[in-house]
Each structure stands twice: as structure tokens, then as C-alpha cells.
N, C-alpha and C. Protein backbone atom coordinates (compact mmCIF):
# COMPACT_ATOMS: atom_id res chain seq x y z
N UNK A 1 -8.34 46.57 74.96
CA UNK A 1 -8.51 46.64 73.51
C UNK A 1 -7.86 45.43 72.86
N UNK A 2 -8.58 44.81 71.97
CA UNK A 2 -8.07 43.62 71.30
C UNK A 2 -7.83 43.94 69.84
N UNK A 3 -6.64 43.65 69.38
CA UNK A 3 -6.31 43.91 67.99
C UNK A 3 -6.06 42.58 67.29
N UNK A 4 -6.79 42.35 66.20
CA UNK A 4 -6.60 41.11 65.46
C UNK A 4 -5.42 41.26 64.51
N UNK A 5 -4.47 40.37 64.63
CA UNK A 5 -3.31 40.41 63.74
C UNK A 5 -3.06 39.03 63.18
N UNK A 6 -2.57 39.00 61.97
CA UNK A 6 -2.29 37.71 61.35
C UNK A 6 -0.94 37.20 61.84
N UNK A 7 -0.91 36.01 62.36
CA UNK A 7 0.33 35.42 62.84
C UNK A 7 0.76 34.33 61.86
N UNK A 8 1.94 34.50 61.30
CA UNK A 8 2.44 33.55 60.31
C UNK A 8 2.99 32.31 60.99
N UNK A 9 3.35 32.46 62.26
CA UNK A 9 3.97 31.36 62.98
C UNK A 9 2.97 30.22 63.19
N UNK A 10 3.50 29.05 63.50
CA UNK A 10 2.65 27.89 63.72
C UNK A 10 2.64 27.54 65.20
N UNK A 11 1.48 27.14 65.68
CA UNK A 11 1.37 26.70 67.06
C UNK A 11 0.93 25.24 67.05
N UNK A 12 1.57 24.43 67.88
CA UNK A 12 1.25 23.01 67.92
C UNK A 12 0.60 22.69 69.26
N UNK A 13 -0.57 22.07 69.21
CA UNK A 13 -1.28 21.70 70.42
C UNK A 13 -0.92 20.27 70.78
N UNK A 14 -0.18 20.10 71.88
CA UNK A 14 0.26 18.78 72.27
C UNK A 14 0.12 18.61 73.77
N UNK A 15 -0.46 17.51 74.19
CA UNK A 15 -0.63 17.21 75.61
C UNK A 15 -1.32 18.35 76.33
N UNK A 16 -2.35 18.90 75.69
CA UNK A 16 -3.14 19.98 76.29
C UNK A 16 -2.31 21.21 76.59
N UNK A 17 -1.23 21.39 75.88
CA UNK A 17 -0.39 22.57 76.09
C UNK A 17 -0.03 23.17 74.75
N UNK A 18 0.00 24.51 74.71
CA UNK A 18 0.38 25.18 73.48
C UNK A 18 1.89 25.35 73.46
N UNK A 19 2.51 24.92 72.39
CA UNK A 19 3.94 25.17 72.21
C UNK A 19 4.08 26.29 71.21
N UNK A 20 4.62 27.41 71.67
CA UNK A 20 4.70 28.56 70.78
C UNK A 20 6.02 28.55 70.02
N UNK A 21 5.96 28.89 68.75
CA UNK A 21 7.16 28.97 67.94
C UNK A 21 7.15 30.26 67.16
N UNK A 22 8.01 31.16 67.52
CA UNK A 22 8.14 32.43 66.82
C UNK A 22 6.82 33.18 66.76
N UNK A 23 6.10 33.20 67.86
CA UNK A 23 4.86 33.96 67.91
C UNK A 23 5.20 35.44 67.99
N UNK A 24 4.36 36.27 67.43
CA UNK A 24 4.59 37.70 67.42
C UNK A 24 4.75 38.20 68.85
N UNK A 25 5.96 38.60 69.22
CA UNK A 25 6.24 39.00 70.58
C UNK A 25 5.52 40.28 70.96
N UNK A 26 5.28 41.14 69.98
CA UNK A 26 4.59 42.39 70.27
C UNK A 26 3.17 42.10 70.74
N UNK A 27 2.52 41.19 70.04
CA UNK A 27 1.15 40.84 70.40
C UNK A 27 1.10 40.19 71.77
N UNK A 28 2.10 39.35 72.06
CA UNK A 28 2.13 38.65 73.33
C UNK A 28 2.45 39.62 74.46
N UNK A 29 3.40 40.52 74.24
CA UNK A 29 3.82 41.41 75.31
C UNK A 29 2.72 42.39 75.69
N UNK A 30 2.00 42.90 74.70
CA UNK A 30 1.00 43.91 75.00
C UNK A 30 -0.34 43.31 75.39
N UNK A 31 -0.67 42.16 74.82
CA UNK A 31 -2.00 41.62 75.03
C UNK A 31 -1.99 40.25 75.70
N UNK A 32 -0.85 39.55 75.63
CA UNK A 32 -0.78 38.22 76.22
C UNK A 32 -1.70 37.24 75.52
N UNK A 33 -2.04 37.55 74.27
CA UNK A 33 -2.98 36.70 73.54
C UNK A 33 -2.42 36.37 72.18
N UNK A 34 -2.50 35.12 71.79
CA UNK A 34 -2.08 34.76 70.45
C UNK A 34 -3.31 34.28 69.68
N UNK A 35 -3.36 34.63 68.43
CA UNK A 35 -4.53 34.30 67.63
C UNK A 35 -4.12 33.49 66.42
N UNK A 36 -4.78 32.37 66.21
CA UNK A 36 -4.53 31.59 65.01
C UNK A 36 -5.76 31.72 64.13
N UNK A 37 -5.67 32.57 63.13
CA UNK A 37 -6.83 32.83 62.30
C UNK A 37 -7.19 31.64 61.44
N UNK A 38 -6.20 30.82 61.12
CA UNK A 38 -6.45 29.70 60.24
C UNK A 38 -7.43 28.71 60.88
N UNK A 39 -7.36 28.57 62.21
CA UNK A 39 -8.26 27.66 62.91
C UNK A 39 -9.19 28.42 63.85
N UNK A 40 -9.11 29.76 63.79
CA UNK A 40 -9.95 30.58 64.64
C UNK A 40 -9.75 30.25 66.12
N UNK A 41 -8.51 30.02 66.51
CA UNK A 41 -8.20 29.73 67.90
C UNK A 41 -7.73 31.01 68.58
N UNK A 42 -8.18 31.22 69.81
CA UNK A 42 -7.65 32.31 70.62
C UNK A 42 -7.24 31.73 71.96
N UNK A 43 -6.03 31.99 72.37
CA UNK A 43 -5.54 31.42 73.62
C UNK A 43 -4.76 32.43 74.42
N UNK A 44 -4.70 32.21 75.72
CA UNK A 44 -3.94 33.10 76.57
C UNK A 44 -2.68 32.38 77.03
N UNK A 45 -1.54 33.04 76.91
CA UNK A 45 -0.27 32.41 77.28
C UNK A 45 -0.06 32.50 78.78
């Protein structure tokens, strides 16, 4: 089950790697997925 949640944190894409900063740990722990709605990015950690 995938739940869309708004993440206020910012993710920076550098050297083909995602650097996470204060990403919602609940979303990461249960789904292992972070969503950036502002750019419609979905990535797996």
C-alpha cells in the first residue's frame, strides 16, 4: 500500500545520489519511499 504524504523537507540530487535531510522517518521506515510532490519525484532509499 502506498500512501502519498507531503514532505516539507528538501532533497538535493547531487552526483546521482539523493541526500536526505529530515525526511519523514515514518514514511521511510514503513514504505522505504520518499516523495517530493513539488517535483513529482519518487525514489527508493
